[in-house]
């Protein structure tokens, strides 16, 4: 190996040490920072009034939590029923589709949020129409596929849609 190669080799070998000493890095603190345990996000209360889109964006944070929100009802649906990792039997449950609350000029379903209500409870709300404002409370029981899966524990009608009024004019 010629002398130029030896000098280059020494420079490459010594350069990282020079850089670390130049920035005055303490290897113990560097090791501690890299191996520090990750702190969980601020813990959420067991019950929260939230935006449905917020829950869709961070379903893991709401897992096993009770959430409450208001939304525009779109329709009942079979979406997500009988899916094994987050199973809800289609003979006992029906899905609920709500309007995305982050879009105001179109009616777009928030299909990423799987909402399930027992069929016997849904029968009490058979007169729900698209556009009715509803209040839902439920528990996020799964985050399968990166989506929140919610068992509805209570549903109430906040305001009926103005469709009937608009049709009679």
N, C-alpha and C. Protein backbone atom coordinates (compact mmCIF):
# COMPACT_ATOMS: atom_id res chain seq x y z
N UNK A 1 0.86 -1.17 0.00
CA UNK A 1 0.00 0.00 0.00
C UNK A 1 0.90 1.23 0.00
N UNK A 2 0.67 2.15 -0.91
CA UNK A 2 1.52 3.33 -0.96
C UNK A 2 1.16 4.30 0.17
N UNK A 3 1.96 5.31 0.35
CA UNK A 3 1.79 6.22 1.49
C UNK A 3 0.52 7.05 1.37
N UNK A 4 0.13 7.40 0.15
CA UNK A 4 -1.11 8.17 -0.01
C UNK A 4 -2.33 7.36 0.41
N UNK A 5 -2.33 6.09 0.08
CA UNK A 5 -3.44 5.21 0.49
C UNK A 5 -3.48 5.06 2.00
N UNK A 6 -2.31 4.94 2.62
CA UNK A 6 -2.25 4.82 4.07
C UNK A 6 -2.80 6.08 4.73
N UNK A 7 -2.44 7.25 4.20
CA UNK A 7 -2.94 8.50 4.76
C UNK A 7 -4.46 8.60 4.61
N UNK A 8 -4.95 8.21 3.45
CA UNK A 8 -6.39 8.24 3.21
C UNK A 8 -7.11 7.27 4.14
N UNK A 9 -6.55 6.10 4.32
CA UNK A 9 -7.13 5.10 5.21
C UNK A 9 -7.19 5.63 6.63
N UNK A 10 -6.11 6.24 7.10
CA UNK A 10 -6.09 6.80 8.45
C UNK A 10 -7.12 7.92 8.59
N UNK A 11 -7.23 8.76 7.56
CA UNK A 11 -8.18 9.86 7.60
C UNK A 11 -9.62 9.33 7.68
N UNK A 12 -9.92 8.33 6.86
CA UNK A 12 -11.27 7.74 6.88
C UNK A 12 -11.53 7.08 8.23
N UNK A 13 -10.53 6.44 8.79
CA UNK A 13 -10.70 5.76 10.07
C UNK A 13 -10.83 6.76 11.22
N UNK A 14 -10.11 7.84 11.18
CA UNK A 14 -10.07 8.81 12.28
C UNK A 14 -11.18 9.86 12.16
N UNK A 15 -11.66 10.13 10.97
CA UNK A 15 -12.64 11.19 10.74
C UNK A 15 -13.88 11.10 11.64
N UNK A 16 -14.50 9.96 11.79
CA UNK A 16 -15.67 9.91 12.67
C UNK A 16 -15.35 10.30 14.12
N UNK A 17 -14.19 9.88 14.59
CA UNK A 17 -13.79 10.24 15.96
C UNK A 17 -13.57 11.74 16.07
N UNK A 18 -12.98 12.32 15.05
CA UNK A 18 -12.77 13.77 15.07
C UNK A 18 -14.10 14.51 15.05
N UNK A 19 -15.02 14.03 14.25
CA UNK A 19 -16.34 14.68 14.18
C UNK A 19 -17.05 14.61 15.53
N UNK A 20 -17.04 13.45 16.15
CA UNK A 20 -17.70 13.30 17.43
C UNK A 20 -17.05 14.16 18.50
N UNK A 21 -15.74 14.23 18.47
CA UNK A 21 -15.08 15.06 19.48
C UNK A 21 -15.30 16.54 19.19
N UNK A 22 -15.43 16.90 17.92
CA UNK A 22 -15.64 18.30 17.56
C UNK A 22 -17.00 18.81 18.05
N UNK A 23 -18.01 17.94 18.05
CA UNK A 23 -19.33 18.37 18.53
C UNK A 23 -19.52 18.04 20.01
N UNK A 24 -18.47 17.51 20.61
CA UNK A 24 -18.48 17.24 22.04
C UNK A 24 -19.62 16.30 22.44
N UNK A 25 -19.75 15.21 21.71
CA UNK A 25 -20.80 14.24 21.97
C UNK A 25 -20.39 13.31 23.10
N UNK A 26 -21.28 13.16 24.04
CA UNK A 26 -21.09 12.21 25.12
C UNK A 26 -21.76 10.90 24.71
N UNK A 27 -20.96 9.84 24.54
CA UNK A 27 -21.50 8.58 24.05
C UNK A 27 -22.55 8.00 25.00
N UNK A 28 -22.38 8.21 26.28
CA UNK A 28 -23.38 7.69 27.23
C UNK A 28 -24.73 8.37 27.04
N UNK A 29 -24.73 9.68 26.84
CA UNK A 29 -26.00 10.37 26.65
C UNK A 29 -26.59 10.03 25.29
N UNK A 30 -25.73 9.82 24.29
CA UNK A 30 -26.20 9.41 22.98
C UNK A 30 -26.85 8.03 23.07
N UNK A 31 -26.21 7.11 23.76
CA UNK A 31 -26.76 5.77 23.95
C UNK A 31 -28.08 5.85 24.70
N UNK A 32 -28.14 6.67 25.73
CA UNK A 32 -29.37 6.80 26.52
C UNK A 32 -30.51 7.38 25.68
N UNK A 33 -30.21 8.34 24.84
CA UNK A 33 -31.24 8.96 24.00
C UNK A 33 -31.80 7.96 22.99
N UNK A 34 -30.93 7.17 22.40
CA UNK A 34 -31.36 6.19 21.41
C UNK A 34 -32.18 5.08 22.06
N UNK A 35 -31.81 4.68 23.25
CA UNK A 35 -32.46 3.56 23.90
C UNK A 35 -33.53 3.98 24.92
N UNK A 36 -33.87 5.25 24.95
CA UNK A 36 -34.90 5.71 25.88
C UNK A 36 -36.24 5.12 25.49
N UNK A 37 -37.03 4.73 26.47
CA UNK A 37 -38.35 4.19 26.14
C UNK A 37 -39.22 5.27 25.50
N UNK A 38 -40.03 4.84 24.55
CA UNK A 38 -40.93 5.77 23.88
C UNK A 38 -42.10 6.05 24.81
N UNK A 39 -42.35 7.33 25.05
CA UNK A 39 -43.45 7.70 25.93
C UNK A 39 -44.74 7.66 25.13
N UNK A 40 -45.80 7.08 25.70
CA UNK A 40 -47.07 7.05 24.97
C UNK A 40 -47.64 8.45 24.85
N UNK A 41 -48.50 8.63 23.86
CA UNK A 41 -49.18 9.91 23.70
C UNK A 41 -49.98 10.19 24.96
N UNK A 42 -50.29 11.44 25.16
CA UNK A 42 -51.07 11.81 26.33
C UNK A 42 -52.30 10.92 26.41
N UNK A 43 -52.52 10.34 27.55
CA UNK A 43 -53.60 9.38 27.66
C UNK A 43 -54.94 10.10 27.57
N UNK A 44 -55.84 9.45 26.87
CA UNK A 44 -57.17 10.00 26.68
C UNK A 44 -58.07 9.54 27.81
N UNK A 45 -59.07 10.34 28.14
CA UNK A 45 -60.03 9.87 29.14
C UNK A 45 -60.80 8.69 28.57
N UNK A 46 -61.47 7.94 29.43
CA UNK A 46 -62.22 6.76 28.99
C UNK A 46 -63.43 7.14 28.15
N UNK A 47 -63.83 8.40 28.16
CA UNK A 47 -64.95 8.85 27.37
C UNK A 47 -64.62 10.23 26.82
N UNK A 48 -64.93 10.44 25.52
CA UNK A 48 -64.57 11.72 24.91
C UNK A 48 -65.59 12.11 23.83
N UNK A 49 -65.89 13.41 23.74
CA UNK A 49 -66.69 13.94 22.64
C UNK A 49 -65.70 14.31 21.56
N UNK A 50 -65.82 13.68 20.39
CA UNK A 50 -64.80 13.82 19.35
C UNK A 50 -65.42 14.03 17.98
N UNK A 51 -64.58 14.40 17.05
CA UNK A 51 -64.95 14.43 15.64
C UNK A 51 -64.72 13.02 15.09
N UNK A 52 -65.66 12.49 14.31
CA UNK A 52 -65.45 11.15 13.74
C UNK A 52 -64.17 11.05 12.91
N UNK A 53 -63.82 12.09 12.16
CA UNK A 53 -62.60 12.06 11.34
C UNK A 53 -61.36 11.99 12.22
N UNK A 54 -61.39 12.62 13.38
CA UNK A 54 -60.27 12.53 14.32
C UNK A 54 -60.05 11.09 14.76
N UNK A 55 -61.13 10.39 15.02
CA UNK A 55 -61.02 8.98 15.43
C UNK A 55 -60.48 8.15 14.28
N UNK A 56 -60.93 8.42 13.06
CA UNK A 56 -60.44 7.70 11.88
C UNK A 56 -58.94 7.93 11.70
N UNK A 57 -58.47 9.13 11.97
CA UNK A 57 -57.05 9.44 11.80
C UNK A 57 -56.16 8.78 12.84
N UNK A 58 -56.69 8.49 14.03
CA UNK A 58 -55.89 7.88 15.11
C UNK A 58 -56.71 6.81 15.84
N UNK A 59 -57.11 5.75 15.17
CA UNK A 59 -57.98 4.76 15.83
C UNK A 59 -57.36 4.08 17.04
N UNK A 60 -56.04 3.87 17.02
CA UNK A 60 -55.37 3.20 18.14
C UNK A 60 -55.51 3.99 19.44
N UNK A 61 -55.54 5.32 19.35
CA UNK A 61 -55.65 6.16 20.55
C UNK A 61 -57.01 5.99 21.22
N UNK A 62 -58.02 5.59 20.46
CA UNK A 62 -59.37 5.49 20.99
C UNK A 62 -59.79 4.05 21.28
N UNK A 63 -58.88 3.11 21.07
CA UNK A 63 -59.17 1.71 21.30
C UNK A 63 -59.61 1.48 22.74
N UNK A 64 -60.74 0.81 22.91
CA UNK A 64 -61.36 0.51 24.21
C UNK A 64 -61.84 1.75 24.95
N UNK A 65 -62.05 2.83 24.23
CA UNK A 65 -62.57 4.07 24.80
C UNK A 65 -64.00 4.28 24.29
N UNK A 66 -64.77 4.99 25.09
CA UNK A 66 -66.11 5.38 24.68
C UNK A 66 -66.02 6.75 24.02
N UNK A 67 -66.59 6.85 22.83
CA UNK A 67 -66.58 8.12 22.11
C UNK A 67 -68.02 8.56 21.88
N UNK A 68 -68.20 9.87 21.78
CA UNK A 68 -69.51 10.45 21.49
C UNK A 68 -69.31 11.51 20.42
N UNK A 69 -70.22 11.54 19.46
CA UNK A 69 -70.14 12.54 18.40
C UNK A 69 -71.50 12.72 17.76
N UNK A 70 -71.64 13.85 17.06
CA UNK A 70 -72.82 14.10 16.25
C UNK A 70 -72.42 13.99 14.80
N UNK A 71 -73.34 13.47 13.97
CA UNK A 71 -73.06 13.29 12.55
C UNK A 71 -74.36 13.27 11.78
N UNK A 72 -74.25 13.42 10.49
CA UNK A 72 -75.40 13.29 9.61
C UNK A 72 -75.53 11.83 9.19
N UNK A 73 -76.70 11.24 9.46
CA UNK A 73 -76.98 9.87 9.06
C UNK A 73 -77.06 9.80 7.54
N UNK A 74 -76.50 8.74 6.95
CA UNK A 74 -76.65 8.50 5.52
C UNK A 74 -77.57 7.30 5.29
N UNK A 75 -77.19 6.15 5.86
CA UNK A 75 -78.00 4.95 5.67
C UNK A 75 -77.52 3.83 6.58
N UNK A 76 -78.31 2.78 6.60
CA UNK A 76 -77.87 1.54 7.22
C UNK A 76 -77.09 0.78 6.16
N UNK A 77 -76.19 -0.09 6.60
CA UNK A 77 -75.29 -0.76 5.67
C UNK A 77 -74.84 -2.10 6.23
N UNK A 78 -74.39 -2.97 5.35
CA UNK A 78 -73.80 -4.24 5.76
C UNK A 78 -72.27 -4.16 5.74
N UNK A 79 -71.73 -2.97 5.52
CA UNK A 79 -70.29 -2.76 5.41
C UNK A 79 -69.57 -3.21 6.68
N UNK A 80 -68.62 -4.10 6.53
CA UNK A 80 -67.78 -4.54 7.65
C UNK A 80 -68.35 -5.67 8.48
N UNK A 81 -69.59 -6.03 8.27
CA UNK A 81 -70.17 -7.13 9.05
C UNK A 81 -69.53 -8.46 8.65
N UNK A 82 -69.42 -9.35 9.62
CA UNK A 82 -68.90 -10.71 9.43
C UNK A 82 -67.41 -10.75 9.07
N UNK A 83 -66.67 -9.66 9.26
CA UNK A 83 -65.23 -9.65 9.03
C UNK A 83 -64.56 -10.26 10.27
N UNK A 84 -63.88 -11.35 10.09
CA UNK A 84 -63.39 -12.16 11.22
C UNK A 84 -62.55 -11.42 12.26
N UNK A 85 -61.56 -10.59 11.88
CA UNK A 85 -60.74 -9.93 12.92
C UNK A 85 -61.53 -8.96 13.81
N UNK A 86 -62.65 -8.44 13.32
CA UNK A 86 -63.47 -7.52 14.12
C UNK A 86 -64.93 -7.95 13.95
N UNK A 87 -65.21 -9.16 14.32
CA UNK A 87 -66.48 -9.83 13.98
C UNK A 87 -67.70 -9.22 14.66
N UNK A 88 -68.68 -8.90 13.83
CA UNK A 88 -70.03 -8.57 14.27
C UNK A 88 -70.96 -9.30 13.32
N UNK A 89 -71.77 -10.19 13.89
CA UNK A 89 -72.65 -11.07 13.13
C UNK A 89 -73.76 -10.29 12.44
N UNK A 90 -73.87 -10.46 11.12
CA UNK A 90 -74.88 -9.74 10.34
C UNK A 90 -76.30 -10.14 10.73
N UNK A 91 -76.49 -11.26 11.41
CA UNK A 91 -77.82 -11.65 11.87
C UNK A 91 -78.24 -10.83 13.10
N UNK A 92 -77.26 -10.31 13.84
CA UNK A 92 -77.56 -9.57 15.08
C UNK A 92 -77.30 -8.07 14.96
N UNK A 93 -76.44 -7.66 14.03
CA UNK A 93 -76.03 -6.26 13.92
C UNK A 93 -76.30 -5.72 12.52
N UNK A 94 -76.34 -4.41 12.44
CA UNK A 94 -76.37 -3.71 11.15
C UNK A 94 -75.42 -2.52 11.26
N UNK A 95 -74.83 -2.17 10.14
CA UNK A 95 -73.90 -1.05 10.12
C UNK A 95 -74.63 0.27 9.91
N UNK A 96 -73.97 1.34 10.32
CA UNK A 96 -74.51 2.69 10.15
C UNK A 96 -73.46 3.50 9.39
N UNK A 97 -73.89 4.15 8.32
CA UNK A 97 -73.01 5.04 7.58
C UNK A 97 -73.35 6.48 7.92
N UNK A 98 -72.32 7.28 8.19
CA UNK A 98 -72.51 8.70 8.49
C UNK A 98 -71.74 9.51 7.47
N UNK A 99 -72.08 10.78 7.38
CA UNK A 99 -71.41 11.71 6.46
C UNK A 99 -70.09 12.15 7.07
N UNK A 100 -69.07 12.28 6.22
CA UNK A 100 -67.78 12.83 6.67
C UNK A 100 -68.02 14.23 7.19
N UNK A 101 -67.44 14.56 8.32
CA UNK A 101 -67.62 15.91 8.88
C UNK A 101 -66.56 16.89 8.41
N UNK A 102 -65.64 16.43 7.56
CA UNK A 102 -64.62 17.34 7.03
C UNK A 102 -64.90 17.76 5.59
N UNK A 103 -66.07 17.38 5.06
CA UNK A 103 -66.49 17.77 3.71
C UNK A 103 -67.88 18.37 3.83
N UNK A 104 -68.03 19.60 3.34
CA UNK A 104 -69.33 20.26 3.50
C UNK A 104 -70.12 20.39 2.22
N UNK A 105 -69.47 20.35 1.06
CA UNK A 105 -70.21 20.60 -0.18
C UNK A 105 -70.70 19.34 -0.88
N UNK A 106 -70.34 18.16 -0.40
CA UNK A 106 -70.82 16.89 -0.96
C UNK A 106 -71.19 15.95 0.18
N UNK A 107 -72.01 14.97 -0.14
CA UNK A 107 -72.32 13.93 0.84
C UNK A 107 -71.40 12.75 0.55
N UNK A 108 -70.40 12.61 1.40
CA UNK A 108 -69.43 11.52 1.26
C UNK A 108 -69.47 10.70 2.54
N UNK A 109 -69.75 9.39 2.42
CA UNK A 109 -69.81 8.55 3.63
C UNK A 109 -68.43 8.38 4.27
N UNK A 110 -68.42 8.33 5.59
CA UNK A 110 -67.19 8.06 6.33
C UNK A 110 -67.08 6.54 6.48
N UNK A 111 -66.79 5.88 5.38
CA UNK A 111 -66.79 4.41 5.36
C UNK A 111 -65.61 3.82 6.12
N UNK A 112 -64.61 4.64 6.45
CA UNK A 112 -63.48 4.14 7.23
C UNK A 112 -63.88 3.84 8.67
N UNK A 113 -64.95 4.47 9.15
CA UNK A 113 -65.42 4.22 10.51
C UNK A 113 -66.54 3.19 10.43
N UNK A 114 -66.29 2.03 11.00
CA UNK A 114 -67.27 0.96 10.98
C UNK A 114 -68.12 1.08 12.25
N UNK A 115 -69.38 1.45 12.06
CA UNK A 115 -70.31 1.64 13.18
C UNK A 115 -71.32 0.52 13.17
N UNK A 116 -71.50 -0.14 14.33
CA UNK A 116 -72.43 -1.26 14.41
C UNK A 116 -73.44 -1.03 15.51
N UNK A 117 -74.69 -1.33 15.19
CA UNK A 117 -75.77 -1.21 16.15
C UNK A 117 -76.56 -2.51 16.12
N UNK A 118 -77.05 -2.92 17.28
CA UNK A 118 -77.85 -4.15 17.33
C UNK A 118 -79.12 -3.93 16.52
N UNK A 119 -79.53 -4.96 15.80
CA UNK A 119 -80.70 -4.85 14.92
C UNK A 119 -81.96 -4.45 15.68
N UNK A 120 -82.14 -4.98 16.88
CA UNK A 120 -83.35 -4.64 17.64
C UNK A 120 -83.37 -3.16 18.04
N UNK A 121 -82.19 -2.58 18.26
CA UNK A 121 -82.11 -1.14 18.54
C UNK A 121 -82.32 -0.34 17.27
N UNK A 122 -81.76 -0.79 16.16
CA UNK A 122 -81.91 -0.09 14.89
C UNK A 122 -83.37 -0.04 14.46
N UNK A 123 -84.15 -1.05 14.79
CA UNK A 123 -85.56 -1.07 14.43
C UNK A 123 -86.32 0.11 15.05
N UNK A 124 -85.86 0.59 16.19
CA UNK A 124 -86.50 1.75 16.84
C UNK A 124 -86.24 3.02 16.05
N UNK A 125 -85.24 2.99 15.17
CA UNK A 125 -84.87 4.16 14.36
C UNK A 125 -85.10 3.87 12.87
N UNK A 126 -86.10 3.09 12.56
CA UNK A 126 -86.39 2.72 11.17
C UNK A 126 -86.77 3.94 10.32
N UNK A 127 -87.22 5.02 10.96
CA UNK A 127 -87.64 6.21 10.22
C UNK A 127 -86.50 7.19 9.96
N UNK A 128 -85.27 6.83 10.30
CA UNK A 128 -84.13 7.71 10.01
C UNK A 128 -84.00 7.90 8.50
N UNK A 129 -83.73 9.13 8.10
CA UNK A 129 -83.53 9.44 6.69
C UNK A 129 -82.17 10.08 6.50
N UNK A 130 -81.67 9.96 5.30
CA UNK A 130 -80.38 10.57 4.97
C UNK A 130 -80.46 12.06 5.25
N UNK A 131 -79.49 12.56 6.00
CA UNK A 131 -79.45 13.97 6.36
C UNK A 131 -79.90 14.26 7.78
N UNK A 132 -80.54 13.29 8.44
CA UNK A 132 -80.92 13.48 9.84
C UNK A 132 -79.67 13.60 10.69
N UNK A 133 -79.64 14.57 11.60
CA UNK A 133 -78.50 14.75 12.52
C UNK A 133 -78.73 13.79 13.69
N UNK A 134 -77.72 12.94 13.96
CA UNK A 134 -77.83 11.97 15.06
C UNK A 134 -76.65 12.15 16.02
N UNK A 135 -76.87 11.70 17.23
CA UNK A 135 -75.81 11.67 18.23
C UNK A 135 -75.55 10.21 18.56
N UNK A 136 -74.28 9.83 18.48
CA UNK A 136 -73.88 8.45 18.70
C UNK A 136 -72.89 8.39 19.85
N UNK A 137 -73.08 7.42 20.73
CA UNK A 137 -72.06 7.06 21.73
C UNK A 137 -71.74 5.59 21.49
N UNK A 138 -70.47 5.27 21.59
CA UNK A 138 -70.08 3.89 21.37
C UNK A 138 -68.66 3.64 21.83
N UNK A 139 -68.29 2.37 21.81
CA UNK A 139 -66.96 1.96 22.24
C UNK A 139 -66.17 1.45 21.05
N UNK A 140 -64.96 1.98 20.88
CA UNK A 140 -64.07 1.51 19.82
C UNK A 140 -63.51 0.17 20.29
N UNK A 141 -63.95 -0.91 19.64
CA UNK A 141 -63.55 -2.24 20.09
C UNK A 141 -62.41 -2.84 19.27
N UNK A 142 -62.09 -2.21 18.12
CA UNK A 142 -61.02 -2.74 17.29
C UNK A 142 -60.45 -1.62 16.41
N UNK A 143 -59.22 -1.85 15.96
CA UNK A 143 -58.60 -0.95 14.99
C UNK A 143 -58.10 -1.78 13.81
N UNK A 144 -58.83 -2.85 13.49
CA UNK A 144 -58.45 -3.72 12.38
C UNK A 144 -58.41 -2.92 11.08
N UNK A 145 -57.46 -3.26 10.23
CA UNK A 145 -57.25 -2.58 8.95
C UNK A 145 -56.91 -1.10 9.11
N UNK A 146 -56.56 -0.68 10.32
CA UNK A 146 -56.24 0.73 10.58
C UNK A 146 -57.47 1.61 10.67
N UNK A 147 -58.65 1.01 10.81
CA UNK A 147 -59.91 1.74 10.92
C UNK A 147 -60.52 1.53 12.30
N UNK A 148 -61.27 2.51 12.79
CA UNK A 148 -61.98 2.30 14.06
C UNK A 148 -63.26 1.48 13.84
N UNK A 149 -63.47 0.49 14.68
CA UNK A 149 -64.65 -0.36 14.65
C UNK A 149 -65.39 -0.08 15.95
N UNK A 150 -66.62 0.40 15.85
CA UNK A 150 -67.33 0.96 17.01
C UNK A 150 -68.65 0.23 17.25
N UNK A 151 -68.84 -0.22 18.49
CA UNK A 151 -70.14 -0.73 18.93
C UNK A 151 -70.95 0.45 19.44
N UNK A 152 -72.06 0.75 18.80
CA UNK A 152 -72.92 1.85 19.23
C UNK A 152 -73.67 1.43 20.48
N UNK A 153 -73.52 2.21 21.55
CA UNK A 153 -74.24 1.93 22.80
C UNK A 153 -75.48 2.80 22.95
N UNK A 154 -75.46 3.98 22.31
CA UNK A 154 -76.67 4.80 22.31
C UNK A 154 -76.72 5.64 21.04
N UNK A 155 -77.93 5.85 20.57
CA UNK A 155 -78.16 6.65 19.37
C UNK A 155 -79.39 7.49 19.63
N UNK A 156 -79.33 8.76 19.28
CA UNK A 156 -80.50 9.62 19.42
C UNK A 156 -80.55 10.58 18.24
N UNK A 157 -81.76 11.00 17.92
CA UNK A 157 -81.96 11.94 16.81
C UNK A 157 -81.87 13.35 17.39
N UNK A 158 -80.95 14.14 16.87
CA UNK A 158 -80.77 15.52 17.30
C UNK A 158 -81.70 16.44 16.51
N UNK A 159 -81.75 16.19 15.18
CA UNK A 159 -82.58 17.03 14.31
C UNK A 159 -82.93 16.26 13.06
N UNK A 160 -84.20 16.27 12.70
CA UNK A 160 -84.64 15.65 11.46
C UNK A 160 -84.20 16.54 10.30
N UNK A 161 -83.95 15.93 9.15
CA UNK A 161 -83.52 16.71 7.98
C UNK A 161 -84.66 17.58 7.48
N UNK A 162 -84.31 18.58 6.72
CA UNK A 162 -85.31 19.52 6.19
C UNK A 162 -85.89 19.06 4.86
N UNK A 163 -85.72 17.81 4.49
CA UNK A 163 -86.17 17.32 3.19
C UNK A 163 -87.67 17.47 3.02
N UNK A 164 -88.42 17.12 4.05
CA UNK A 164 -89.89 17.19 3.96
C UNK A 164 -90.31 18.64 3.75
N UNK A 165 -89.69 19.58 4.47
CA UNK A 165 -90.03 21.01 4.34
C UNK A 165 -89.70 21.51 2.94
N UNK A 166 -88.56 21.08 2.38
CA UNK A 166 -88.15 21.52 1.05
C UNK A 166 -89.04 20.93 -0.04
N UNK A 167 -89.52 19.68 0.17
CA UNK A 167 -90.38 19.05 -0.83
C UNK A 167 -91.77 19.65 -0.88
N UNK A 168 -92.24 20.19 0.23
CA UNK A 168 -93.60 20.73 0.28
C UNK A 168 -93.67 22.15 -0.26
N UNK A 169 -92.53 22.81 -0.48
CA UNK A 169 -92.54 24.20 -0.98
C UNK A 169 -92.72 24.26 -2.47
